Amino acid sequence: MDRRSNAKAAGVKLAEVSADSEAREPHFAKLNVAPAYRVVFETIEEEILSGRLRPGDRLPSETALAGQLGVNRSTAREGLRLLEQTGLVRREGGRRLFAAVPRQDELSSRASRALVLQQVTFRELWEVLMVTEPGAASLAAERIEAEEIEALEDNLARTTEAVEAGRSFTQLDIEFHSLIAEATRNPAWLLAREPAALLLFPAADLMMPQLPQSGHRLVEAHRRVLLALKSGKAGVAETWMRKHIVDFRRGYEMAGIGIDLPIDREEAVPGPARSGAPAAAARMKTRKKA
């Protein structure tokens, strides 16, 4: 009787030990394996970013690349297509692909789309440009060259003509600020400011029908900034650019357009600004103040 009881107790103890061991076994999450075309993309991307593939170097054909990487040709094609979309490779002559450096406009456009998806507001974009634009004017005053001054003078003349004729000056405004940013000789500055600028400056077309004086105020601000750049007065250029960006927001508010609603690609501009406003402005979500 005692032997049977002892054996039973021992069996229960062994079962408990076995259960405890099972409970302590590690549990692994499912592997998040990237699609094969993504691996192709990342493999070539690493070669370009590391400098082993330099801009202008020719890539293998789809068939050769598929053989080298051990994937199907369709997989190699999808990986190459993704590289083209990111600007890391370019197709020349219709078929052959070459390693490349993404163009600034490609990077800025993608970043602008990302900002729209993040539902950034006018106020948030304006806060960015309150830092980048005065700073760019200050740096440009120290580094600008004669041909860049000439380009700004030409821009100012064309902007003045557009304002006097009652035409849109949005693209000229964007050009003026871009020319100043380029004069900083700082590619990082260009990439930092342009996505916000491409979304914010088209709002001038929303203000024009309600604030006819806005064009003349813009021309005067540009003229003052240009004079400071020509004389190399960094502090004056920075001060006038800051006044200009502040004035831009003031005009937006005076026009009765809400500044805390997100930029939205699907919203049409209400009222008279609907016609003639560029696509970026026409997709801004706006609101009339009560």
C-alpha atoms as a PDB file:
ATOM      1  CA  MET A   1       0.000   0.000   0.000  1.00  0.00           C
ATOM      2  CA  ASP A   2       2.784   2.393   0.885  1.00  0.00           C
ATOM      3  CA  ARG A   3       4.682   1.471  -2.259  1.00  0.00           C
ATOM      4  CA  ARG A   4       1.629   2.220  -4.413  1.00  0.00           C
ATOM      5  CA  SER A   5       1.145   5.572  -2.685  1.00  0.00           C
ATOM      6  CA  ASN A   6       4.780   6.488  -3.110  1.00  0.00           C
ATOM      7  CA  ALA A   7       4.717   5.573  -6.808  1.00  0.00           C
ATOM      8  CA  LYS A   8       1.583   7.617  -7.348  1.00  0.00           C
ATOM      9  CA  ALA A   9       3.120  10.629  -5.589  1.00  0.00           C
ATOM     10  CA  ALA A  10       6.284  10.285  -7.643  1.00  0.00           C
ATOM     11  CA  GLY A  11       4.211  10.193 -10.846  1.00  0.00           C
ATOM     12  CA  VAL A  12       2.375  13.355  -9.887  1.00  0.00           C
ATOM     13  CA  LYS A  13       5.672  15.085  -9.125  1.00  0.00           C
ATOM     14  CA  LEU A  14       7.163  14.059 -12.481  1.00  0.00           C
ATOM     15  CA  ALA A  15       4.064  15.396 -14.273  1.00  0.00           C
ATOM     16  CA  GLU A  16       4.380  18.696 -12.462  1.00  0.00           C
ATOM     17  CA  VAL A  17       8.071  18.965 -13.399  1.00  0.00           C
ATOM     18  CA  SER A  18       7.212  18.191 -17.028  1.00  0.00           C
ATOM     19  CA  ALA A  19       4.470  20.837 -17.035  1.00  0.00           C
ATOM     20  CA  ASP A  20       6.837  23.402 -15.515  1.00  0.00           C
ATOM     21  CA  SER A  21       9.446  22.624 -18.193  1.00  0.00           C
ATOM     22  CA  GLU A  22       6.901  23.137 -20.941  1.00  0.00           C
ATOM     23  CA  ALA A  23       5.811  26.420 -19.391  1.00  0.00           C
ATOM     24  CA  ARG A  24       9.420  27.634 -19.400  1.00  0.00           C
ATOM     25  CA  GLU A  25       9.985  26.828 -23.078  1.00  0.00           C
ATOM     26  CA  PRO A  26      10.656  30.019 -25.079  1.00  0.00           C
ATOM     27  CA  HIS A  27       8.055  31.214 -27.552  1.00  0.00           C
ATOM     28  CA  PHE A  28       9.277  32.857 -30.760  1.00  0.00           C
ATOM     29  CA  ALA A  29       7.388  35.441 -32.783  1.00  0.00           C
ATOM     30  CA  LYS A  30       6.781  34.758 -36.444  1.00  0.00           C
ATOM     31  CA  LEU A  31       9.596  35.891 -38.683  1.00  0.00           C
ATOM     32  CA  ASN A  32       8.927  39.050 -40.644  1.00  0.00           C
ATOM     33  CA  VAL A  33      10.622  38.029 -43.858  1.00  0.00           C
ATOM     34  CA  ALA A  34      10.947  40.765 -46.479  1.00  0.00           C
ATOM     35  CA  PRO A  35       9.653  39.958 -49.977  1.00  0.00           C
ATOM     36  CA  ALA A  36      12.372  38.815 -52.360  1.00  0.00           C
ATOM     37  CA  TYR A  37      12.083  41.939 -54.554  1.00  0.00           C
ATOM     38  CA  ARG A  38      12.687  44.054 -51.444  1.00  0.00           C
ATOM     39  CA  VAL A  39      15.856  42.087 -50.730  1.00  0.00           C
ATOM     40  CA  VAL A  40      16.989  42.798 -54.305  1.00  0.00           C
ATOM     41  CA  PHE A  41      16.309  46.500 -53.752  1.00  0.00           C
ATOM     42  CA  GLU A  42      18.163  46.610 -50.417  1.00  0.00           C
ATOM     43  CA  THR A  43      21.139  44.684 -51.791  1.00  0.00           C
ATOM     44  CA  ILE A  44      21.691  47.132 -54.648  1.00  0.00           C
ATOM     45  CA  GLU A  45      20.832  50.120 -52.449  1.00  0.00           C
ATOM     46  CA  GLU A  46      23.612  49.112 -50.052  1.00  0.00           C
ATOM     47  CA  GLU A  47      26.070  48.836 -52.935  1.00  0.00           C
ATOM     48  CA  ILE A  48      25.214  52.392 -54.027  1.00  0.00           C
ATOM     49  CA  LEU A  49      25.192  53.936 -50.548  1.00  0.00           C
ATOM     50  CA  SER A  50      28.498  52.298 -49.652  1.00  0.00           C
ATOM     51  CA  GLY A  51      30.128  53.718 -52.773  1.00  0.00           C
ATOM     52  CA  ARG A  52      30.929  50.343 -54.288  1.00  0.00           C
ATOM     53  CA  LEU A  53      28.494  51.288 -57.056  1.00  0.00           C
ATOM     54  CA  ARG A  54      29.096  54.895 -58.054  1.00  0.00           C
ATOM     55  CA  PRO A  55      26.763  57.246 -59.939  1.00  0.00           C
ATOM     56  CA  GLY A  56      27.063  56.424 -63.631  1.00  0.00           C
ATOM     57  CA  ASP A  57      28.075  52.783 -63.104  1.00  0.00           C
ATOM     58  CA  ARG A  58      26.041  50.430 -65.263  1.00  0.00           C
ATOM     59  CA  LEU A  59      23.950  47.749 -63.591  1.00  0.00           C
ATOM     60  CA  PRO A  60      23.635  44.199 -64.954  1.00  0.00           C
ATOM     61  CA  SER A  61      20.634  43.379 -67.111  1.00  0.00           C
ATOM     62  CA  GLU A  62      17.536  41.921 -65.452  1.00  0.00           C
ATOM     63  CA  THR A  63      18.491  38.428 -66.582  1.00  0.00           C
ATOM     64  CA  ALA A  64      22.091  38.723 -65.406  1.00  0.00           C
ATOM     65  CA  LEU A  65      21.056  40.265 -62.093  1.00  0.00           C
ATOM     66  CA  ALA A  66      18.486  37.531 -61.467  1.00  0.00           C
ATOM     67  CA  GLY A  67      21.164  34.905 -62.093  1.00  0.00           C
ATOM     68  CA  GLN A  68      23.688  36.591 -59.791  1.00  0.00           C
ATOM     69  CA  LEU A  69      21.203  36.961 -56.928  1.00  0.00           C
ATOM     70  CA  GLY A  70      19.495  33.604 -57.436  1.00  0.00           C
ATOM     71  CA  VAL A  71      15.990  35.019 -57.952  1.00  0.00           C
ATOM     72  CA  ASN A  72      13.424  34.992 -60.717  1.00  0.00           C
ATOM     73  CA  ARG A  73      13.677  37.621 -63.432  1.00  0.00           C
ATOM     74  CA  SER A  74      10.310  39.094 -62.382  1.00  0.00           C
ATOM     75  CA  THR A  75      11.648  39.512 -58.842  1.00  0.00           C
ATOM     76  CA  ALA A  76      14.754  41.294 -60.132  1.00  0.00           C
ATOM     77  CA  ARG A  77      12.524  43.516 -62.297  1.00  0.00           C
ATOM     78  CA  GLU A  78      10.402  44.571 -59.307  1.00  0.00           C
ATOM     79  CA  GLY A  79      13.504  45.361 -57.250  1.00  0.00           C
ATOM     80  CA  LEU A  80      14.914  47.499 -60.063  1.00  0.00           C
ATOM     81  CA  ARG A  81      11.592  49.285 -60.516  1.00  0.00           C
ATOM     82  CA  LEU A  82      11.635  50.258 -56.829  1.00  0.00           C
ATOM     83  CA  LEU A  83      15.185  51.572 -57.227  1.00  0.00           C
ATOM     84  CA  GLU A  84      14.042  53.684 -60.181  1.00  0.00           C
ATOM     85  CA  GLN A  85      11.175  55.111 -58.136  1.00  0.00           C
ATOM     86  CA  THR A  86      13.574  56.205 -55.401  1.00  0.00           C
ATOM     87  CA  GLY A  87      15.946  57.783 -57.933  1.00  0.00           C
ATOM     88  CA  LEU A  88      18.869  55.510 -57.055  1.00  0.00           C
ATOM     89  CA  VAL A  89      19.034  54.154 -60.602  1.00  0.00           C
ATOM     90  CA  ARG A  90      18.121  55.708 -63.949  1.00  0.00           C
ATOM     91  CA  ARG A  91      17.239  54.133 -67.254  1.00  0.00           C
ATOM     92  CA  GLU A  92      19.166  55.418 -70.245  1.00  0.00           C
ATOM     93  CA  GLY A  93      18.680  54.433 -73.848  1.00  0.00           C
ATOM     94  CA  GLY A  94      15.374  52.817 -72.995  1.00  0.00           C
ATOM     95  CA  ARG A  95      16.771  49.687 -71.387  1.00  0.00           C
ATOM     96  CA  ARG A  96      20.073  49.883 -69.522  1.00  0.00           C
ATOM     97  CA  LEU A  97      20.088  51.026 -65.904  1.00  0.00           C
ATOM     98  CA  PHE A  98      22.781  53.082 -64.212  1.00  0.00           C
ATOM     99  CA  ALA A  99      23.416  53.976 -60.576  1.00  0.00           C
ATOM    100  CA  ALA A 100      22.386  57.573 -59.854  1.00  0.00           C
ATOM    101  CA  VAL A 101      21.997  60.237 -57.186  1.00  0.00           C
ATOM    102  CA  PRO A 102      18.337  61.166 -56.536  1.00  0.00           C
ATOM    103  CA  ARG A 103      17.540  64.664 -57.778  1.00  0.00           C
ATOM    104  CA  GLN A 104      16.583  67.280 -55.223  1.00  0.00           C
ATOM    105  CA  ASP A 105      13.139  67.784 -56.751  1.00  0.00           C
ATOM    106  CA  GLU A 106      12.438  64.053 -56.447  1.00  0.00           C
ATOM    107  CA  LEU A 107      13.395  64.007 -52.782  1.00  0.00           C
ATOM    108  CA  SER A 108      11.438  67.184 -52.033  1.00  0.00           C
ATOM    109  CA  SER A 109       8.339  65.950 -53.811  1.00  0.00           C
ATOM    110  CA  ARG A 110       8.338  62.672 -51.880  1.00  0.00           C
ATOM    111  CA  ALA A 111       8.882  64.525 -48.605  1.00  0.00           C
ATOM    112  CA  SER A 112       6.017  66.912 -49.408  1.00  0.00           C
ATOM    113  CA  ARG A 113       3.697  63.971 -50.022  1.00  0.00           C
ATOM    114  CA  ALA A 114       4.785  62.462 -46.714  1.00  0.00           C
ATOM    115  CA  LEU A 115       3.961  65.735 -44.943  1.00  0.00           C
ATOM    116  CA  VAL A 116       0.477  65.695 -46.467  1.00  0.00           C
ATOM    117  CA  LEU A 117      -0.042  62.125 -45.274  1.00  0.00           C
ATOM    118  CA  GLN A 118       1.070  63.201 -41.800  1.00  0.00           C
ATOM    119  CA  GLN A 119      -1.683  65.848 -41.916  1.00  0.00           C
ATOM    120  CA  VAL A 120       0.627  68.749 -41.169  1.00  0.00           C
ATOM    121  CA  THR A 121      -1.038  72.119 -40.772  1.00  0.00           C
ATOM    122  CA  PHE A 122      -0.292  75.554 -42.185  1.00  0.00           C
ATOM    123  CA  ARG A 123       0.950  76.622 -38.746  1.00  0.00           C
ATOM    124  CA  GLU A 124       3.429  73.733 -38.583  1.00  0.00           C
ATOM    125  CA  LEU A 125       4.808  74.457 -42.048  1.00  0.00           C
ATOM    126  CA  TRP A 126       5.043  78.154 -41.235  1.00  0.00           C
ATOM    127  CA  GLU A 127       7.009  77.407 -38.049  1.00  0.00           C
ATOM    128  CA  VAL A 128       9.562  75.491 -40.126  1.00  0.00           C
ATOM    129  CA  LEU A 129       9.974  78.305 -42.650  1.00  0.00           C
ATOM    130  CA  MET A 130      10.296  80.883 -39.872  1.00  0.00           C
ATOM    131  CA  VAL A 131      13.582  79.142 -39.104  1.00  0.00           C
ATOM    132  CA  THR A 132      14.843  78.135 -42.543  1.00  0.00           C
ATOM    133  CA  GLU A 133      14.083  81.255 -44.610  1.00  0.00           C
ATOM    134  CA  PRO A 134      15.648  83.965 -42.395  1.00  0.00           C
ATOM    135  CA  GLY A 135      18.619  81.689 -41.785  1.00  0.00           C
ATOM    136  CA  ALA A 136      19.048  81.088 -45.505  1.00  0.00           C
ATOM    137  CA  ALA A 137      18.944  84.844 -46.198  1.00  0.00           C
ATOM    138  CA  SER A 138      21.662  85.425 -43.601  1.00  0.00           C
ATOM    139  CA  LEU A 139      23.948  82.739 -45.032  1.00  0.00           C
ATOM    140  CA  ALA A 140      23.267  83.806 -48.612  1.00  0.00           C
ATOM    141  CA  ALA A 141      24.337  87.389 -47.835  1.00  0.00           C
ATOM    142  CA  GLU A 142      27.785  86.044 -46.981  1.00  0.00           C
ATOM    143  CA  ARG A 143      28.109  83.629 -49.918  1.00  0.00           C
ATOM    144  CA  ILE A 144      26.009  84.897 -52.822  1.00  0.00           C
ATOM    145  CA  GLU A 145      27.710  85.461 -56.186  1.00  0.00           C
ATOM    146  CA  ALA A 146      27.119  88.002 -58.931  1.00  0.00           C
ATOM    147  CA  GLU A 147      25.174  85.715 -61.265  1.00  0.00           C
ATOM    148  CA  GLU A 148      22.831  84.768 -58.415  1.00  0.00           C
ATOM    149  CA  ILE A 149      22.193  88.443 -57.703  1.00  0.00           C
ATOM    150  CA  GLU A 150      21.333  88.883 -61.388  1.00  0.00           C
ATOM    151  CA  ALA A 151      18.929  85.928 -61.231  1.00  0.00           C
ATOM    152  CA  LEU A 152      17.192  87.443 -58.202  1.00  0.00           C
ATOM    153  CA  GLU A 153      16.937  90.842 -59.911  1.00  0.00           C
ATOM    154  CA  ASP A 154      15.342  89.196 -62.931  1.00  0.00           C
ATOM    155  CA  ASN A 155      12.951  87.318 -60.670  1.00  0.00           C
ATOM    156  CA  LEU A 156      11.965  90.530 -58.873  1.00  0.00           C
ATOM    157  CA  ALA A 157      11.283  92.282 -62.177  1.00  0.00           C
ATOM    158  CA  ARG A 158       9.048  89.430 -63.360  1.00  0.00           C
ATOM    159  CA  THR A 159       7.266  89.275 -60.004  1.00  0.00           C
ATOM    160  CA  THR A 160       6.581  93.025 -60.100  1.00  0.00           C
ATOM    161  CA  GLU A 161       5.155  92.676 -63.602  1.00  0.00           C
ATOM    162  CA  ALA A 162       2.921  89.768 -62.553  1.00  0.00           C
ATOM    163  CA  VAL A 163       1.604  91.664 -59.523  1.00  0.00           C
ATOM    164  CA  GLU A 164       0.860  94.792 -61.585  1.00  0.00           C
ATOM    165  CA  ALA A 165      -0.989  92.677 -64.144  1.00  0.00           C
ATOM    166  CA  GLY A 166      -2.978  90.829 -61.473  1.00  0.00           C
ATOM    167  CA  ARG A 167      -1.497  87.459 -62.401  1.00  0.00           C
ATOM    168  CA  SER A 168      -0.459  84.686 -60.051  1.00  0.00           C
ATOM    169  CA  PHE A 169       3.058  85.138 -58.683  1.00  0.00           C
ATOM    170  CA  THR A 170       3.247  81.892 -56.709  1.00  0.00           C
ATOM    171  CA  GLN A 171       5.864  80.180 -58.861  1.00  0.00           C
ATOM    172  CA  LEU A 172       7.969  83.337 -58.921  1.00  0.00           C
ATOM    173  CA  ASP A 173       7.789  83.531 -55.132  1.00  0.00           C
ATOM    174  CA  ILE A 174       8.896  79.903 -54.830  1.00  0.00           C
ATOM    175  CA  GLU A 175      11.730  80.632 -57.288  1.00  0.00           C
ATOM    176  CA  PHE A 176      12.898  83.687 -55.304  1.00  0.00           C
ATOM    177  CA  HIS A 177      13.179  81.725 -52.068  1.00  0.00           C
ATOM    178  CA  SER A 178      14.809  78.764 -53.820  1.00  0.00           C
ATOM    179  CA  LEU A 179      17.464  81.013 -55.383  1.00  0.00           C
ATOM    180  CA  ILE A 180      18.338  82.370 -51.950  1.00  0.00           C
ATOM    181  CA  ALA A 181      18.503  78.859 -50.492  1.00  0.00           C
ATOM    182  CA  GLU A 182      20.813  77.749 -53.306  1.00  0.00           C
ATOM    183  CA  ALA A 183      23.112  80.687 -52.542  1.00  0.00           C
ATOM    184  CA  THR A 184      23.776  79.187 -49.084  1.00  0.00           C
ATOM    185  CA  ARG A 185      25.908  76.517 -50.809  1.00  0.00           C
ATOM    186  CA  ASN A 186      24.394  74.041 -48.362  1.00  0.00           C
ATOM    187  CA  PRO A 187      22.589  71.027 -49.893  1.00  0.00           C
ATOM    188  CA  ALA A 188      21.270  69.965 -46.485  1.00  0.00           C
ATOM    189  CA  TRP A 189      19.592  73.358 -46.096  1.00  0.00           C
ATOM    190  CA  LEU A 190      17.933  72.987 -49.482  1.00  0.00           C
ATOM    191  CA  LEU A 191      16.543  69.562 -48.655  1.00  0.00           C
ATOM    192  CA  ALA A 192      15.399  70.661 -45.204  1.00  0.00           C
ATOM    193  CA  ARG A 193      13.335  73.651 -46.372  1.00  0.00           C
ATOM    194  CA  GLU A 194      11.936  72.768 -49.776  1.00  0.00           C
ATOM    195  CA  PRO A 195       9.248  70.182 -48.862  1.00  0.00           C
ATOM    196  CA  ALA A 196       7.573  72.696 -46.528  1.00  0.00           C
ATOM    197  CA  ALA A 197       8.040  75.576 -48.977  1.00  0.00           C
ATOM    198  CA  LEU A 198       6.389  73.659 -51.819  1.00  0.00           C
ATOM    199  CA  LEU A 199       3.273  73.217 -49.697  1.00  0.00           C
ATOM    200  CA  LEU A 200       3.152  76.599 -47.978  1.00  0.00           C
ATOM    201  CA  PHE A 201       4.002  79.259 -50.572  1.00  0.00           C
ATOM    202  CA  PRO A 202       1.154  78.339 -52.982  1.00  0.00           C
ATOM    203  CA  ALA A 203      -1.199  79.723 -50.322  1.00  0.00           C
ATOM    204  CA  ALA A 204      -0.456  83.152 -51.812  1.00  0.00           C
ATOM    205  CA  ASP A 205      -2.995  82.290 -54.511  1.00  0.00           C
ATOM    206  CA  LEU A 206      -5.603  81.864 -51.806  1.00  0.00           C
ATOM    207  CA  MET A 207      -4.947  85.330 -50.398  1.00  0.00           C
ATOM    208  CA  MET A 208      -4.784  87.320 -53.631  1.00  0.00           C
ATOM    209  CA  PRO A 209      -8.542  87.531 -54.368  1.00  0.00           C
ATOM    210  CA  GLN A 210      -9.271  88.789 -50.840  1.00  0.00           C
ATOM    211  CA  LEU A 211      -6.119  90.819 -50.163  1.00  0.00           C
ATOM    212  CA  PRO A 212      -5.097  92.594 -53.397  1.00  0.00           C
ATOM    213  CA  GLN A 213      -2.375  94.451 -51.487  1.00  0.00           C
ATOM    214  CA  SER A 214      -0.621  91.188 -50.645  1.00  0.00           C
ATOM    215  CA  GLY A 215       1.264  91.151 -53.942  1.00  0.00           C
ATOM    216  CA  HIS A 216       2.678  94.644 -53.454  1.00  0.00           C
ATOM    217  CA  ARG A 217       3.746  93.818 -49.899  1.00  0.00           C
ATOM    218  CA  LEU A 218       5.518  90.701 -51.182  1.00  0.00           C
ATOM    219  CA  VAL A 219       7.359  92.669 -53.863  1.00  0.00           C
ATOM    220  CA  GLU A 220       8.519  95.235 -51.305  1.00  0.00           C
ATOM    221  CA  ALA A 221       9.778  92.504 -48.954  1.00  0.00           C
ATOM    222  CA  HIS A 222      11.645  90.786 -51.781  1.00  0.00           C
ATOM    223  CA  ARG A 223      13.166  94.099 -52.818  1.00  0.00           C
ATOM    224  CA  ARG A 224      14.423  94.780 -49.297  1.00  0.00           C
ATOM    225  CA  VAL A 225      15.892  91.294 -48.964  1.00  0.00           C
ATOM    226  CA  LEU A 226      17.625  91.630 -52.323  1.00  0.00           C
ATOM    227  CA  LEU A 227      19.151  94.996 -51.397  1.00  0.00           C
ATOM    228  CA  ALA A 228      20.559  93.461 -48.216  1.00  0.00           C
ATOM    229  CA  LEU A 229      21.975  90.505 -50.142  1.00  0.00           C
ATOM    230  CA  LYS A 230      23.649  92.820 -52.670  1.00  0.00           C
ATOM    231  CA  SER A 231      25.309  94.809 -49.893  1.00  0.00           C
ATOM    232  CA  GLY A 232      26.308  91.700 -47.934  1.00  0.00           C
ATOM    233  CA  LYS A 233      24.309  92.732 -44.853  1.00  0.00           C
ATOM    234  CA  ALA A 234      23.430  89.360 -43.335  1.00  0.00           C
ATOM    235  CA  GLY A 235      21.552  90.776 -40.353  1.00  0.00           C
ATOM    236  CA  VAL A 236      19.382  93.035 -42.488  1.00  0.00           C
ATOM    237  CA  ALA A 237      18.624  90.233 -44.941  1.00  0.00           C
ATOM    238  CA  GLU A 238      17.632  87.950 -42.073  1.00  0.00           C
ATOM    239  CA  THR A 239      15.438  90.613 -40.449  1.00  0.00           C
ATOM    240  CA  TRP A 240      13.548  91.433 -43.644  1.00  0.00           C
ATOM    241  CA  MET A 241      13.048  87.780 -44.486  1.00  0.00           C
ATOM    242  CA  ARG A 242      11.631  87.166 -41.025  1.00  0.00           C
ATOM    243  CA  LYS A 243       9.261  90.126 -41.461  1.00  0.00           C
ATOM    244  CA  HIS A 244       8.245  88.680 -44.824  1.00  0.00           C
ATOM    245  CA  ILE A 245       7.381  85.262 -43.388  1.00  0.00           C
ATOM    246  CA  VAL A 246       5.494  86.839 -40.477  1.00  0.00           C
ATOM    247  CA  ASP A 247       3.564  88.971 -42.972  1.00  0.00           C
ATOM    248  CA  PHE A 248       2.722  85.874 -44.956  1.00  0.00           C
ATOM    249  CA  ARG A 249       0.962  84.332 -41.965  1.00  0.00           C
ATOM    250  CA  ARG A 250      -0.777  87.618 -41.133  1.00  0.00           C
ATOM    251  CA  GLY A 251      -2.185  87.764 -44.647  1.00  0.00           C
ATOM    252  CA  TYR A 252      -3.399  84.200 -44.385  1.00  0.00           C
ATOM    253  CA  GLU A 253      -5.246  85.027 -41.184  1.00  0.00           C
ATOM    254  CA  MET A 254      -6.678  88.286 -42.585  1.00  0.00           C
ATOM    255  CA  ALA A 255      -8.050  86.313 -45.538  1.00  0.00           C
ATOM    256  CA  GLY A 256     -10.024  84.245 -43.037  1.00  0.00           C
ATOM    257  CA  ILE A 257      -8.271  80.979 -43.793  1.00  0.00           C
ATOM    258  CA  GLY A 258      -7.850  78.573 -40.878  1.00  0.00           C
ATOM    259  CA  ILE A 259      -4.219  77.876 -40.058  1.00  0.00           C
ATOM    260  CA  ASP A 260      -4.704  74.841 -37.827  1.00  0.00           C
ATOM    261  CA  LEU A 261      -6.434  72.527 -40.282  1.00  0.00           C
ATOM    262  CA  PRO A 262      -4.296  69.951 -42.090  1.00  0.00           C
ATOM    263  CA  ILE A 263      -3.104  70.276 -45.638  1.00  0.00           C
ATOM    264  CA  ASP A 264      -5.333  67.957 -47.626  1.00  0.00           C
ATOM    265  CA  ARG A 265      -4.892  66.927 -51.262  1.00  0.00           C
ATOM    266  CA  GLU A 266      -8.573  66.213 -51.777  1.00  0.00           C
ATOM    267  CA  GLU A 267     -10.091  69.445 -50.526  1.00  0.00           C
ATOM    268  CA  ALA A 268     -10.990  72.085 -53.102  1.00  0.00           C
ATOM    269  CA  VAL A 269     -10.403  75.731 -52.350  1.00  0.00           C
ATOM    270  CA  PRO A 270     -13.699  77.507 -51.641  1.00  0.00           C
ATOM    271  CA  GLY A 271     -14.770  80.751 -53.199  1.00  0.00           C
ATOM    272  CA  PRO A 272     -12.946  82.814 -55.832  1.00  0.00           C
ATOM    273  CA  ALA A 273      -9.566  81.208 -55.210  1.00  0.00           C
ATOM    274  CA  ARG A 274     -10.814  78.023 -56.832  1.00  0.00           C
ATOM    275  CA  SER A 275      -9.949  79.184 -60.333  1.00  0.00           C
ATOM    276  CA  GLY A 276      -6.327  79.830 -61.137  1.00  0.00           C
ATOM    277  CA  ALA A 277      -4.858  78.440 -57.913  1.00  0.00           C
ATOM    278  CA  PRO A 278      -2.125  75.890 -58.532  1.00  0.00           C
ATOM    279  CA  ALA A 279      -2.722  72.288 -57.614  1.00  0.00           C
ATOM    280  CA  ALA A 280      -0.817  72.434 -54.337  1.00  0.00           C
ATOM    281  CA  ALA A 281      -2.877  75.371 -53.117  1.00  0.00           C
ATOM    282  CA  ALA A 282      -6.115  73.972 -54.453  1.00  0.00           C
ATOM    283  CA  ARG A 283      -5.635  70.903 -52.307  1.00  0.00           C
ATOM    284  CA  MET A 284      -5.207  72.816 -49.076  1.00  0.00           C
ATOM    285  CA  LYS A 285      -8.008  72.361 -46.588  1.00  0.00           C
ATOM    286  CA  THR A 286      -9.276  75.807 -45.687  1.00  0.00           C
ATOM    287  CA  ARG A 287     -11.834  77.343 -43.403  1.00  0.00           C
ATOM    288  CA  LYS A 288     -13.541  80.707 -43.150  1.00  0.00           C
ATOM    289  CA  LYS A 289     -13.478  82.284 -39.734  1.00  0.00           C
ATOM    290  CA  ALA A 290     -16.831  82.947 -38.145  1.00  0.00           C
END
